[in-house]
N, C-alpha and C. Protein backbone atom coordinates (compact mmCIF):
# COMPACT_ATOMS: atom_id res chain seq x y z
N MET A 1 87.40 106.89 106.39
CA MET A 1 87.96 106.76 107.73
C MET A 1 88.81 105.50 107.80
N SER A 2 90.02 105.62 108.34
CA SER A 2 90.91 104.48 108.41
C SER A 2 90.41 103.47 109.43
N LYS A 3 90.70 102.19 109.17
CA LYS A 3 90.28 101.13 110.06
C LYS A 3 91.22 101.08 111.27
N PRO A 4 90.70 100.75 112.46
CA PRO A 4 91.57 100.66 113.64
C PRO A 4 92.53 99.49 113.53
N VAL A 5 93.77 99.71 114.00
CA VAL A 5 94.76 98.64 114.00
C VAL A 5 94.37 97.63 115.09
N ARG A 6 94.31 96.38 114.73
CA ARG A 6 93.91 95.34 115.68
C ARG A 6 95.15 94.77 116.37
N LYS A 7 94.97 94.37 117.63
CA LYS A 7 96.05 93.73 118.37
C LYS A 7 96.24 92.29 117.91
N SER A 8 95.15 91.65 117.52
CA SER A 8 95.24 90.27 117.04
C SER A 8 94.09 90.01 116.08
N ILE A 9 94.28 89.08 115.16
CA ILE A 9 93.25 88.70 114.21
C ILE A 9 93.28 87.19 114.02
N LYS A 10 92.24 86.67 113.42
CA LYS A 10 92.21 85.25 113.08
C LYS A 10 93.03 85.04 111.82
N LEU A 11 93.94 84.06 111.88
CA LEU A 11 94.80 83.75 110.75
C LEU A 11 94.56 82.32 110.30
N ILE A 12 94.44 82.11 108.99
CA ILE A 12 94.14 80.79 108.44
C ILE A 12 95.07 80.52 107.26
N THR A 13 95.69 79.35 107.25
CA THR A 13 96.49 78.95 106.09
C THR A 13 95.69 77.96 105.26
N VAL A 14 95.62 78.21 103.96
CA VAL A 14 94.92 77.32 103.02
C VAL A 14 95.93 76.88 101.97
N ALA A 15 96.16 75.57 101.89
CA ALA A 15 97.16 75.04 100.96
C ALA A 15 96.55 73.88 100.18
N GLY A 16 97.27 73.46 99.15
CA GLY A 16 96.81 72.34 98.34
C GLY A 16 97.51 72.33 97.01
N PRO A 17 97.43 71.21 96.28
CA PRO A 17 98.07 71.13 94.97
C PRO A 17 97.50 72.16 94.00
N PRO A 18 98.24 72.48 92.94
CA PRO A 18 97.75 73.44 91.94
C PRO A 18 96.42 73.01 91.33
N SER A 19 95.56 73.99 91.08
CA SER A 19 94.26 73.79 90.41
C SER A 19 93.31 72.88 91.17
N SER A 20 93.48 72.80 92.49
CA SER A 20 92.56 72.00 93.29
C SER A 20 91.29 72.77 93.66
N GLY A 21 91.28 74.07 93.40
CA GLY A 21 90.09 74.87 93.67
C GLY A 21 90.18 75.72 94.92
N LYS A 22 91.38 76.03 95.38
CA LYS A 22 91.56 76.78 96.62
C LYS A 22 90.91 78.16 96.56
N THR A 23 91.18 78.91 95.51
CA THR A 23 90.65 80.28 95.42
C THR A 23 89.13 80.27 95.38
N SER A 24 88.55 79.36 94.63
CA SER A 24 87.08 79.28 94.55
C SER A 24 86.48 78.94 95.90
N VAL A 25 87.10 77.98 96.61
CA VAL A 25 86.60 77.60 97.93
C VAL A 25 86.69 78.77 98.90
N ILE A 26 87.81 79.47 98.87
CA ILE A 26 87.98 80.63 99.77
C ILE A 26 86.92 81.69 99.47
N LEU A 27 86.75 82.02 98.20
CA LEU A 27 85.77 83.04 97.83
C LEU A 27 84.36 82.66 98.26
N ARG A 28 83.95 81.42 97.96
CA ARG A 28 82.59 80.98 98.30
C ARG A 28 82.39 80.92 99.82
N THR A 29 83.49 80.79 100.57
CA THR A 29 83.38 80.69 102.02
C THR A 29 83.36 82.06 102.69
N ILE A 30 84.19 82.98 102.22
CA ILE A 30 84.29 84.27 102.91
C ILE A 30 83.27 85.29 102.43
N GLU A 31 82.74 85.14 101.22
CA GLU A 31 81.74 86.10 100.75
C GLU A 31 80.52 86.17 101.66
N PRO A 32 79.94 85.02 102.10
CA PRO A 32 78.81 85.12 103.03
C PRO A 32 79.21 85.71 104.38
N MET A 33 80.45 85.48 104.80
CA MET A 33 80.92 86.04 106.06
C MET A 33 81.04 87.55 105.97
N ILE A 34 81.55 88.03 104.83
CA ILE A 34 81.66 89.47 104.62
C ILE A 34 80.27 90.11 104.60
N ALA A 35 79.31 89.42 103.99
CA ALA A 35 77.93 89.93 103.96
C ALA A 35 77.35 90.05 105.36
N ARG A 36 77.85 89.25 106.30
CA ARG A 36 77.37 89.31 107.69
C ARG A 36 78.17 90.29 108.53
N GLY A 37 79.13 90.99 107.92
CA GLY A 37 79.84 92.04 108.64
C GLY A 37 81.28 91.77 108.98
N PHE A 38 81.82 90.59 108.61
CA PHE A 38 83.23 90.32 108.85
C PHE A 38 84.09 91.12 107.88
N THR A 39 85.22 91.62 108.35
CA THR A 39 86.21 92.23 107.46
C THR A 39 87.32 91.21 107.24
N ILE A 40 87.58 90.88 105.97
CA ILE A 40 88.49 89.77 105.65
C ILE A 40 89.45 90.18 104.54
N GLY A 41 90.70 89.83 104.71
CA GLY A 41 91.71 90.05 103.68
C GLY A 41 92.35 88.74 103.28
N VAL A 42 93.04 88.75 102.15
CA VAL A 42 93.68 87.55 101.61
C VAL A 42 95.09 87.89 101.17
N VAL A 43 96.03 86.99 101.46
CA VAL A 43 97.37 87.07 100.88
C VAL A 43 97.57 85.82 100.04
N LYS A 44 97.88 86.03 98.77
CA LYS A 44 98.05 84.93 97.82
C LYS A 44 99.52 84.72 97.53
N PHE A 45 100.06 83.58 97.96
CA PHE A 45 101.42 83.20 97.62
C PHE A 45 101.38 82.21 96.45
N ASP A 46 102.23 82.43 95.45
CA ASP A 46 102.31 81.50 94.33
C ASP A 46 103.74 81.42 93.85
N CYS A 47 103.98 80.63 92.81
CA CYS A 47 105.35 80.39 92.33
C CYS A 47 105.75 81.38 91.24
N LEU A 48 105.25 81.17 90.02
CA LEU A 48 105.71 81.96 88.88
C LEU A 48 104.73 83.04 88.46
N THR A 49 103.44 82.72 88.48
CA THR A 49 102.44 83.71 88.05
C THR A 49 101.10 83.37 88.65
N SER A 50 100.23 84.36 88.77
CA SER A 50 98.89 84.13 89.28
C SER A 50 97.99 85.30 88.88
N GLU A 51 96.79 84.97 88.48
CA GLU A 51 95.79 85.98 88.17
C GLU A 51 94.65 85.96 89.20
N ASP A 52 94.79 85.13 90.22
CA ASP A 52 93.70 84.96 91.19
C ASP A 52 93.42 86.23 91.98
N HIS A 53 94.42 87.12 92.12
CA HIS A 53 94.17 88.36 92.85
C HIS A 53 93.10 89.21 92.17
N HIS A 54 92.95 89.04 90.84
CA HIS A 54 91.89 89.78 90.15
C HIS A 54 90.51 89.30 90.60
N ARG A 55 90.39 88.01 90.87
CA ARG A 55 89.11 87.46 91.34
C ARG A 55 88.75 88.03 92.71
N TYR A 56 89.75 88.17 93.57
CA TYR A 56 89.48 88.76 94.88
C TYR A 56 89.13 90.25 94.74
N ASN A 57 89.86 90.95 93.87
CA ASN A 57 89.56 92.37 93.66
C ASN A 57 88.15 92.56 93.12
N GLU A 58 87.75 91.70 92.18
CA GLU A 58 86.40 91.81 91.61
C GLU A 58 85.32 91.57 92.66
N ALA A 59 85.66 90.77 93.68
CA ALA A 59 84.72 90.50 94.76
C ALA A 59 84.79 91.56 95.86
N GLY A 60 85.66 92.57 95.68
CA GLY A 60 85.79 93.64 96.67
C GLY A 60 86.58 93.24 97.90
N ILE A 61 87.45 92.25 97.76
CA ILE A 61 88.22 91.74 98.89
C ILE A 61 89.66 92.24 98.78
N SER A 62 90.18 92.80 99.86
CA SER A 62 91.56 93.28 99.88
C SER A 62 92.51 92.10 99.75
N VAL A 63 93.50 92.23 98.85
CA VAL A 63 94.40 91.10 98.58
C VAL A 63 95.80 91.60 98.29
N LYS A 64 96.79 90.85 98.73
CA LYS A 64 98.18 91.06 98.37
C LYS A 64 98.68 89.79 97.69
N LYS A 65 99.51 89.94 96.65
CA LYS A 65 100.05 88.80 95.92
C LYS A 65 101.57 88.78 96.02
N GLY A 66 102.11 87.59 96.27
CA GLY A 66 103.56 87.42 96.29
C GLY A 66 103.96 86.22 95.47
N LEU A 67 104.98 86.36 94.63
CA LEU A 67 105.46 85.27 93.78
C LEU A 67 106.85 84.84 94.21
N ALA A 68 107.03 83.53 94.43
CA ALA A 68 108.30 83.01 94.92
C ALA A 68 109.38 83.04 93.85
N GLY A 69 108.99 82.96 92.58
CA GLY A 69 109.98 82.94 91.50
C GLY A 69 110.85 81.70 91.59
N GLY A 70 112.16 81.90 91.67
CA GLY A 70 113.09 80.78 91.72
C GLY A 70 113.29 80.20 93.11
N LEU A 71 112.65 80.76 94.11
CA LEU A 71 112.81 80.29 95.48
C LEU A 71 111.82 79.17 95.80
N CYS A 72 112.15 78.35 96.80
CA CYS A 72 111.22 77.35 97.31
C CYS A 72 109.99 78.07 97.85
N PRO A 73 108.78 77.66 97.46
CA PRO A 73 107.56 78.33 97.94
C PRO A 73 107.45 78.35 99.45
N ASP A 74 107.86 77.26 100.11
CA ASP A 74 107.81 77.23 101.57
C ASP A 74 108.71 78.29 102.20
N HIS A 75 109.94 78.42 101.66
CA HIS A 75 110.85 79.42 102.21
C HIS A 75 110.33 80.84 101.97
N PHE A 76 109.78 81.07 100.79
CA PHE A 76 109.20 82.39 100.48
C PHE A 76 108.02 82.68 101.41
N PHE A 77 107.21 81.66 101.64
CA PHE A 77 106.05 81.80 102.53
C PHE A 77 106.49 82.18 103.94
N ILE A 78 107.42 81.44 104.50
CA ILE A 78 107.80 81.66 105.90
C ILE A 78 108.55 82.97 106.08
N ALA A 79 109.23 83.45 105.01
CA ALA A 79 109.95 84.71 105.09
C ALA A 79 109.01 85.91 105.07
N ASN A 80 107.77 85.69 104.64
CA ASN A 80 106.83 86.81 104.49
C ASN A 80 105.58 86.70 105.35
N ILE A 81 105.39 85.58 106.03
CA ILE A 81 104.12 85.34 106.69
C ILE A 81 103.86 86.30 107.86
N ASP A 82 104.90 86.63 108.64
CA ASP A 82 104.65 87.53 109.77
C ASP A 82 104.34 88.94 109.28
N GLN A 83 105.02 89.37 108.21
CA GLN A 83 104.70 90.69 107.64
C GLN A 83 103.27 90.70 107.09
N ALA A 84 102.84 89.57 106.54
CA ALA A 84 101.46 89.48 106.07
C ALA A 84 100.48 89.65 107.22
N LEU A 85 100.79 89.00 108.34
CA LEU A 85 99.93 89.15 109.53
C LEU A 85 99.88 90.60 110.00
N GLN A 86 101.04 91.26 110.01
CA GLN A 86 101.06 92.67 110.45
C GLN A 86 100.24 93.54 109.50
N TRP A 87 100.28 93.23 108.20
CA TRP A 87 99.45 93.97 107.23
C TRP A 87 97.97 93.76 107.55
N GLY A 88 97.60 92.54 107.88
CA GLY A 88 96.22 92.26 108.23
C GLY A 88 95.76 93.01 109.46
N LYS A 89 96.65 93.11 110.45
CA LYS A 89 96.31 93.85 111.68
C LYS A 89 96.16 95.34 111.39
N LYS A 90 97.11 95.90 110.61
CA LYS A 90 97.04 97.33 110.29
C LYS A 90 95.81 97.65 109.46
N SER A 91 95.37 96.69 108.64
CA SER A 91 94.19 96.90 107.80
C SER A 91 92.89 96.75 108.58
N GLY A 92 92.99 96.28 109.82
CA GLY A 92 91.80 96.17 110.66
C GLY A 92 90.93 94.96 110.35
N PHE A 93 91.51 93.93 109.72
CA PHE A 93 90.73 92.75 109.37
C PHE A 93 90.35 91.96 110.63
N ASP A 94 89.18 91.33 110.56
CA ASP A 94 88.82 90.33 111.58
C ASP A 94 89.56 89.03 111.31
N LEU A 95 89.78 88.76 110.02
CA LEU A 95 90.32 87.46 109.61
C LEU A 95 91.20 87.65 108.37
N LEU A 96 92.34 86.95 108.36
CA LEU A 96 93.24 86.99 107.23
C LEU A 96 93.47 85.58 106.72
N VAL A 97 93.19 85.36 105.44
CA VAL A 97 93.38 84.05 104.82
C VAL A 97 94.67 84.07 104.01
N ILE A 98 95.54 83.11 104.27
CA ILE A 98 96.77 82.97 103.52
C ILE A 98 96.59 81.81 102.55
N GLU A 99 96.56 82.10 101.26
CA GLU A 99 96.44 81.05 100.25
C GLU A 99 97.83 80.75 99.70
N SER A 100 98.34 79.57 100.03
CA SER A 100 99.69 79.19 99.60
C SER A 100 99.56 78.20 98.45
N ALA A 101 99.79 78.68 97.25
CA ALA A 101 99.52 77.88 96.05
C ALA A 101 100.81 77.51 95.33
N GLY A 102 100.65 76.67 94.31
CA GLY A 102 101.79 76.25 93.52
C GLY A 102 102.72 75.32 94.28
N LEU A 103 102.15 74.54 95.20
CA LEU A 103 102.98 73.74 96.09
C LEU A 103 103.22 72.33 95.58
N CYS A 104 104.40 71.79 95.90
CA CYS A 104 104.66 70.38 95.64
C CYS A 104 104.07 69.57 96.79
N ASN A 105 104.01 68.26 96.64
CA ASN A 105 103.39 67.42 97.65
C ASN A 105 104.20 67.31 98.94
N ARG A 106 105.42 67.83 98.94
CA ARG A 106 106.26 67.76 100.14
C ARG A 106 106.25 69.07 100.92
N CYS A 107 105.60 70.09 100.42
CA CYS A 107 105.58 71.38 101.11
C CYS A 107 104.81 71.30 102.43
N SER A 108 105.13 72.23 103.34
CA SER A 108 104.52 72.19 104.67
C SER A 108 104.21 73.59 105.17
N PRO A 109 103.22 74.26 104.60
CA PRO A 109 102.96 75.66 104.94
C PRO A 109 102.00 75.87 106.11
N HIS A 110 101.92 74.91 107.04
CA HIS A 110 101.01 75.04 108.17
C HIS A 110 101.79 75.35 109.44
N ILE A 111 101.19 76.17 110.30
CA ILE A 111 101.86 76.68 111.50
C ILE A 111 101.11 76.20 112.73
N ARG A 112 101.85 75.83 113.75
CA ARG A 112 101.22 75.40 114.99
C ARG A 112 100.38 76.54 115.58
N GLU A 113 99.21 76.20 116.09
CA GLU A 113 98.28 77.15 116.73
C GLU A 113 97.63 78.10 115.73
N VAL A 114 97.74 77.80 114.43
CA VAL A 114 97.07 78.57 113.38
C VAL A 114 96.22 77.58 112.58
N LEU A 115 94.93 77.90 112.36
CA LEU A 115 94.04 76.98 111.65
C LEU A 115 94.62 76.62 110.28
N ALA A 116 94.73 75.32 110.01
CA ALA A 116 95.35 74.83 108.78
C ALA A 116 94.32 74.09 107.93
N VAL A 117 94.16 74.52 106.69
CA VAL A 117 93.20 73.93 105.77
C VAL A 117 93.95 73.41 104.55
N CYS A 118 93.61 72.20 104.12
CA CYS A 118 94.18 71.63 102.89
C CYS A 118 93.04 71.35 101.92
N VAL A 119 93.18 71.78 100.69
CA VAL A 119 92.16 71.58 99.65
C VAL A 119 92.68 70.56 98.64
N ILE A 120 91.88 69.52 98.39
CA ILE A 120 92.28 68.46 97.46
C ILE A 120 91.19 68.24 96.43
N ASP A 121 91.61 68.03 95.22
CA ASP A 121 90.72 67.79 94.08
C ASP A 121 90.44 66.29 93.97
N GLN A 122 89.17 65.90 94.05
CA GLN A 122 88.83 64.48 93.99
C GLN A 122 89.00 63.88 92.59
N LEU A 123 89.21 64.73 91.59
CA LEU A 123 89.50 64.23 90.25
C LEU A 123 90.94 63.75 90.12
N SER A 124 91.75 64.02 91.12
CA SER A 124 93.17 63.68 91.04
C SER A 124 93.43 62.19 91.25
N GLY A 125 92.42 61.43 91.66
CA GLY A 125 92.58 59.99 91.82
C GLY A 125 92.56 59.55 93.27
N VAL A 126 92.05 58.35 93.52
CA VAL A 126 91.85 57.89 94.90
C VAL A 126 93.16 57.62 95.63
N HIS A 127 94.26 57.51 94.92
CA HIS A 127 95.55 57.27 95.57
C HIS A 127 96.26 58.58 95.97
N THR A 128 95.73 59.71 95.53
CA THR A 128 96.39 60.99 95.77
C THR A 128 96.62 61.29 97.24
N PRO A 129 95.66 61.05 98.14
CA PRO A 129 95.92 61.39 99.55
C PRO A 129 97.18 60.76 100.13
N ARG A 130 97.54 59.57 99.66
CA ARG A 130 98.74 58.91 100.17
C ARG A 130 100.01 59.52 99.61
N LYS A 131 99.87 60.31 98.55
CA LYS A 131 101.04 60.91 97.90
C LYS A 131 101.33 62.32 98.42
N ILE A 132 100.40 62.88 99.18
CA ILE A 132 100.56 64.25 99.68
C ILE A 132 101.12 64.20 101.09
N GLY A 133 102.11 65.04 101.35
CA GLY A 133 102.80 65.02 102.63
C GLY A 133 102.18 65.89 103.70
N PRO A 134 103.00 66.71 104.38
CA PRO A 134 102.57 67.44 105.56
C PRO A 134 101.42 68.41 105.36
N MET A 135 101.25 68.96 104.15
CA MET A 135 100.14 69.93 104.01
C MET A 135 98.78 69.24 104.12
N LEU A 136 98.73 67.91 103.94
CA LEU A 136 97.52 67.14 104.21
C LEU A 136 97.58 66.49 105.58
N LYS A 137 98.70 65.87 105.90
CA LYS A 137 98.81 65.10 107.14
C LYS A 137 98.71 65.97 108.39
N SER A 138 99.11 67.23 108.30
CA SER A 138 99.09 68.10 109.48
C SER A 138 97.95 69.11 109.46
N ALA A 139 97.00 68.98 108.53
CA ALA A 139 95.90 69.94 108.42
C ALA A 139 94.83 69.68 109.48
N ASP A 140 94.15 70.75 109.88
CA ASP A 140 93.00 70.64 110.78
C ASP A 140 91.72 70.34 110.01
N VAL A 141 91.64 70.88 108.80
CA VAL A 141 90.46 70.71 107.95
C VAL A 141 90.93 70.31 106.55
N VAL A 142 90.31 69.28 105.98
CA VAL A 142 90.60 68.88 104.61
C VAL A 142 89.35 69.09 103.77
N VAL A 143 89.45 69.93 102.77
CA VAL A 143 88.31 70.25 101.90
C VAL A 143 88.44 69.44 100.62
N LEU A 144 87.39 68.72 100.27
CA LEU A 144 87.37 67.89 99.07
C LEU A 144 86.54 68.60 97.99
N THR A 145 87.15 68.90 96.86
CA THR A 145 86.48 69.63 95.79
C THR A 145 86.18 68.73 94.60
N LYS A 146 85.32 69.23 93.72
CA LYS A 146 84.97 68.60 92.44
C LYS A 146 84.34 67.22 92.62
N GLY A 147 83.68 67.03 93.75
CA GLY A 147 83.00 65.77 94.01
C GLY A 147 81.78 65.56 93.15
N ASP A 148 81.26 66.64 92.56
CA ASP A 148 80.08 66.52 91.70
C ASP A 148 80.42 65.86 90.36
N ILE A 149 81.72 65.71 90.08
CA ILE A 149 82.13 65.15 88.78
C ILE A 149 82.45 63.67 88.89
N VAL A 150 82.65 63.16 90.11
CA VAL A 150 82.98 61.74 90.29
C VAL A 150 81.78 61.02 90.90
N SER A 151 81.84 59.70 90.91
CA SER A 151 80.73 58.90 91.42
C SER A 151 80.69 58.90 92.95
N GLN A 152 79.55 58.48 93.50
CA GLN A 152 79.42 58.38 94.95
C GLN A 152 80.46 57.42 95.53
N ALA A 153 80.69 56.31 94.85
CA ALA A 153 81.67 55.33 95.32
C ALA A 153 83.07 55.94 95.37
N GLU A 154 83.42 56.70 94.32
CA GLU A 154 84.73 57.34 94.29
C GLU A 154 84.86 58.37 95.40
N ARG A 155 83.78 59.12 95.67
CA ARG A 155 83.81 60.11 96.76
C ARG A 155 84.05 59.43 98.10
N GLU A 156 83.38 58.31 98.33
CA GLU A 156 83.53 57.61 99.60
C GLU A 156 84.93 57.03 99.77
N VAL A 157 85.46 56.45 98.69
CA VAL A 157 86.81 55.90 98.76
C VAL A 157 87.83 57.01 98.99
N PHE A 158 87.66 58.13 98.30
CA PHE A 158 88.59 59.25 98.43
C PHE A 158 88.58 59.77 99.87
N ALA A 159 87.40 59.98 100.44
CA ALA A 159 87.30 60.47 101.81
C ALA A 159 87.92 59.47 102.79
N PHE A 160 87.72 58.18 102.54
CA PHE A 160 88.30 57.14 103.39
C PHE A 160 89.83 57.21 103.34
N ARG A 161 90.38 57.40 102.14
CA ARG A 161 91.84 57.49 102.00
C ARG A 161 92.39 58.73 102.71
N VAL A 162 91.63 59.82 102.67
CA VAL A 162 92.06 61.03 103.39
C VAL A 162 92.11 60.75 104.88
N ARG A 163 91.09 60.07 105.41
CA ARG A 163 91.05 59.78 106.85
C ARG A 163 92.14 58.79 107.25
N GLN A 164 92.55 57.94 106.34
CA GLN A 164 93.67 57.04 106.63
C GLN A 164 94.96 57.84 106.84
N VAL A 165 95.12 58.91 106.08
CA VAL A 165 96.32 59.74 106.18
C VAL A 165 96.24 60.70 107.35
N ASN A 166 95.05 61.26 107.59
CA ASN A 166 94.86 62.25 108.66
C ASN A 166 93.53 61.98 109.36
N ALA A 167 93.58 61.18 110.41
CA ALA A 167 92.36 60.74 111.08
C ALA A 167 91.73 61.83 111.94
N ARG A 168 92.50 62.84 112.33
CA ARG A 168 91.95 63.83 113.26
C ARG A 168 91.33 65.04 112.54
N ALA A 169 91.57 65.18 111.25
CA ALA A 169 91.06 66.36 110.53
C ALA A 169 89.57 66.24 110.24
N ALA A 170 88.91 67.39 110.18
CA ALA A 170 87.53 67.43 109.69
C ALA A 170 87.59 67.36 108.16
N VAL A 171 86.83 66.45 107.57
CA VAL A 171 86.83 66.26 106.12
C VAL A 171 85.51 66.81 105.56
N LEU A 172 85.62 67.86 104.73
CA LEU A 172 84.43 68.58 104.28
C LEU A 172 84.37 68.63 102.75
N PRO A 173 83.36 68.05 102.13
CA PRO A 173 83.17 68.24 100.68
C PRO A 173 82.57 69.63 100.42
N VAL A 174 83.21 70.38 99.54
CA VAL A 174 82.74 71.74 99.22
C VAL A 174 82.77 71.93 97.71
N ASN A 175 81.70 72.49 97.16
CA ASN A 175 81.65 72.81 95.74
C ASN A 175 82.13 74.25 95.56
N GLY A 176 83.28 74.42 94.91
CA GLY A 176 83.85 75.75 94.75
C GLY A 176 83.08 76.64 93.80
N LEU A 177 82.23 76.06 92.95
CA LEU A 177 81.45 76.87 92.01
C LEU A 177 80.17 77.40 92.64
N THR A 178 79.45 76.52 93.34
CA THR A 178 78.16 76.90 93.93
C THR A 178 78.27 77.30 95.40
N GLY A 179 79.35 76.87 96.05
CA GLY A 179 79.48 77.13 97.48
C GLY A 179 78.81 76.09 98.35
N GLN A 180 78.18 75.11 97.74
CA GLN A 180 77.49 74.08 98.51
C GLN A 180 78.47 73.38 99.45
N GLY A 181 78.09 73.26 100.72
CA GLY A 181 78.92 72.59 101.70
C GLY A 181 79.84 73.51 102.47
N ASN A 182 79.81 74.83 102.19
CA ASN A 182 80.79 75.71 102.84
C ASN A 182 80.37 76.20 104.22
N LEU A 183 79.16 75.88 104.67
CA LEU A 183 78.69 76.38 105.97
C LEU A 183 79.57 75.88 107.11
N LEU A 184 79.92 74.59 107.09
CA LEU A 184 80.79 74.06 108.14
C LEU A 184 82.19 74.67 108.06
N LEU A 185 82.66 74.94 106.83
CA LEU A 185 83.97 75.58 106.69
C LEU A 185 83.93 77.00 107.23
N GLN A 186 82.83 77.70 107.01
CA GLN A 186 82.67 79.03 107.60
C GLN A 186 82.80 78.98 109.12
N LYS A 187 82.21 77.97 109.73
CA LYS A 187 82.27 77.83 111.19
C LYS A 187 83.70 77.61 111.66
N HIS A 188 84.46 76.82 110.91
CA HIS A 188 85.86 76.63 111.26
C HIS A 188 86.62 77.95 111.15
N PHE A 189 86.34 78.72 110.11
CA PHE A 189 86.98 80.03 109.95
C PHE A 189 86.63 80.94 111.14
N GLN A 190 85.36 80.97 111.48
CA GLN A 190 84.90 81.84 112.56
C GLN A 190 85.49 81.44 113.91
N ASN A 191 85.74 80.15 114.11
CA ASN A 191 86.25 79.66 115.40
C ASN A 191 87.77 79.56 115.43
N ALA A 192 88.43 80.05 114.40
CA ALA A 192 89.90 80.00 114.37
C ALA A 192 90.47 80.84 115.50
N PRO A 193 91.59 80.39 116.09
CA PRO A 193 92.21 81.19 117.17
C PRO A 193 92.77 82.51 116.64
N THR A 194 92.85 83.50 117.51
CA THR A 194 93.42 84.79 117.12
C THR A 194 94.93 84.76 117.31
N THR A 195 95.60 85.58 116.51
CA THR A 195 97.07 85.63 116.53
C THR A 195 97.50 87.09 116.50
N SER A 196 98.45 87.44 117.36
CA SER A 196 98.96 88.81 117.37
C SER A 196 100.32 88.93 116.70
N SER A 197 101.13 87.88 116.81
CA SER A 197 102.45 87.85 116.19
C SER A 197 102.86 86.39 116.01
N LEU A 198 103.64 86.13 114.98
CA LEU A 198 104.11 84.77 114.73
C LEU A 198 105.53 84.55 115.23
N GLU A 199 106.07 85.52 115.93
CA GLU A 199 107.41 85.36 116.49
C GLU A 199 107.42 84.21 117.48
N ASN A 200 108.37 83.31 117.31
CA ASN A 200 108.53 82.11 118.13
C ASN A 200 107.50 81.02 117.84
N TYR A 201 106.59 81.25 116.89
CA TYR A 201 105.71 80.17 116.43
C TYR A 201 106.53 79.20 115.60
N LYS A 202 106.03 77.99 115.42
CA LYS A 202 106.77 76.98 114.67
C LYS A 202 105.91 76.35 113.58
N LEU A 203 106.57 75.95 112.50
CA LEU A 203 105.89 75.17 111.48
C LEU A 203 105.47 73.83 112.08
N ARG A 204 104.41 73.25 111.54
CA ARG A 204 103.95 71.95 112.02
C ARG A 204 104.86 70.81 111.54
N PHE A 205 105.62 71.07 110.49
CA PHE A 205 106.52 70.05 109.95
C PHE A 205 107.67 70.76 109.27
N THR A 206 108.79 70.07 109.15
CA THR A 206 109.95 70.68 108.54
C THR A 206 109.74 70.90 107.04
N MET A 207 110.44 71.88 106.50
CA MET A 207 110.40 72.14 105.06
C MET A 207 111.18 71.04 104.31
N PRO A 208 110.99 70.94 102.99
CA PRO A 208 111.82 70.03 102.20
C PRO A 208 113.30 70.32 102.41
N ALA A 209 114.10 69.28 102.42
CA ALA A 209 115.51 69.41 102.75
C ALA A 209 116.26 70.25 101.72
N ALA A 210 117.18 71.05 102.17
CA ALA A 210 118.08 71.85 101.37
C ALA A 210 119.36 71.91 102.22
N LEU A 211 120.45 72.24 101.76
CA LEU A 211 120.77 73.14 100.67
C LEU A 211 121.77 72.43 99.76
N CYS A 212 121.58 72.49 98.47
CA CYS A 212 122.53 71.86 97.56
C CYS A 212 122.97 72.89 96.52
N SER A 213 123.91 72.49 95.67
CA SER A 213 124.45 73.42 94.68
C SER A 213 123.38 73.88 93.69
N TYR A 214 122.39 73.03 93.42
CA TYR A 214 121.33 73.40 92.48
C TYR A 214 120.40 74.45 93.09
N CYS A 215 120.27 74.44 94.42
CA CYS A 215 119.50 75.49 95.09
C CYS A 215 120.14 76.86 94.87
N LEU A 216 121.46 76.85 94.67
CA LEU A 216 122.20 78.11 94.54
C LEU A 216 122.44 78.51 93.10
N GLY A 217 121.80 77.81 92.16
CA GLY A 217 121.86 78.25 90.77
C GLY A 217 122.67 77.37 89.84
N GLU A 218 123.25 76.29 90.35
CA GLU A 218 124.00 75.38 89.48
C GLU A 218 123.07 74.75 88.44
N THR A 219 123.54 74.64 87.20
CA THR A 219 122.74 74.00 86.14
C THR A 219 123.45 72.81 85.51
N ARG A 220 124.75 72.65 85.75
CA ARG A 220 125.50 71.56 85.15
C ARG A 220 125.15 70.23 85.81
N ILE A 221 125.19 69.16 85.03
CA ILE A 221 124.89 67.83 85.54
C ILE A 221 126.19 67.06 85.72
N GLY A 222 126.29 66.30 86.81
CA GLY A 222 127.49 65.52 87.08
C GLY A 222 127.81 65.51 88.56
N GLN A 223 128.48 64.45 89.03
CA GLN A 223 128.76 64.32 90.45
C GLN A 223 129.64 65.44 90.97
N ASP A 224 130.53 65.94 90.14
CA ASP A 224 131.42 67.02 90.59
C ASP A 224 130.66 68.32 90.87
N CYS A 225 129.44 68.41 90.32
CA CYS A 225 128.63 69.63 90.51
C CYS A 225 127.63 69.49 91.66
N GLN A 226 127.57 68.29 92.22
CA GLN A 226 126.58 68.02 93.27
C GLN A 226 127.23 68.19 94.64
N ILE A 227 126.98 69.33 95.23
CA ILE A 227 127.58 69.67 96.52
C ILE A 227 126.46 70.00 97.51
N GLY A 228 126.63 69.56 98.74
CA GLY A 228 125.64 69.89 99.76
C GLY A 228 124.72 68.72 100.08
N ASN A 229 123.47 69.01 100.27
CA ASN A 229 122.48 68.01 100.68
C ASN A 229 122.02 67.23 99.44
N VAL A 230 122.66 66.11 99.17
CA VAL A 230 122.39 65.33 97.96
C VAL A 230 121.95 63.92 98.37
N LYS A 231 120.93 63.41 97.69
CA LYS A 231 120.45 62.05 97.95
C LYS A 231 120.47 61.28 96.64
N THR A 232 121.12 60.11 96.62
CA THR A 232 121.23 59.32 95.41
C THR A 232 120.59 57.96 95.59
N MET A 233 120.27 57.31 94.48
CA MET A 233 119.66 55.99 94.48
C MET A 233 120.71 54.92 94.21
N ASP A 234 120.41 53.70 94.58
CA ASP A 234 121.29 52.55 94.33
C ASP A 234 120.80 51.83 93.09
N PHE A 235 121.58 51.87 92.01
CA PHE A 235 121.21 51.23 90.75
C PHE A 235 122.03 49.96 90.48
N SER A 236 122.67 49.46 91.52
CA SER A 236 123.50 48.26 91.34
C SER A 236 122.62 47.02 91.19
C-alpha cells in the first residue's frame, strides 16, 4: 500500500567536513526513532563519489544520492533541495535528513527555519572550530565525534572553542559507532519544525563567491585568463 503524501514534514540539514562521522551519527540517531514508528528518509549529497547510500540501504532506510561532480557542492545542494523535500513528502516520511558531505570550510548548506546540524571530528585539532565557516557558525546543533579517542582535556578545550565560534548552538558529544550520546540529538530531530515548501526560504549565509573563468572550465594559468570574481594577494 502506498504511503499518503504529506503536506509537510520535518526537514534537517546535516553538514560537516569530510570523514567527520556524519553518516554514522545519522544512522545511530534515526535507527531508534524508526524502531519507535517514525518514517525517515535520507538524501545524501556529495562531490565525486560516495558509498554511504549502501549503509542506509542495509539499514532499511530509503535514500537518494546526488553527486555534484565539477559543480560547487553548495550550488548543487540548493538546486536540488526543494525537489528532495517534495520527494520526502510524496514518500510519506515524517522526517527527511539531508546529509551534505564533501564540503569545504566555507560552504553554507543551512537554511533559515530548518534545523541545522554540524558534525565535527575532535581528532581534527583544537583549532579547527575557528577554521570552519558558516556551516558551524550558523548551526543550531553541533555534534562532536570521536571524543573517545582524545583526552578529557582535549574534549573540554574543543567544546570551548566551538562555543567561542557559536555560542547559541547546542553542543552534543556523540559516538557514531556505539550511538552513545544520541538521545539529545534524537530530541532535536523530533522537535524540528515542519516544512511544506522551500520556496522563498533563504540560506542562513551566502555561498562562496563566484563567478570566475575557472568556474566555467578555464585551466590555463595567467592574469589574462583570470576573468570575473578574482581576489589576489599583495606580495610587494
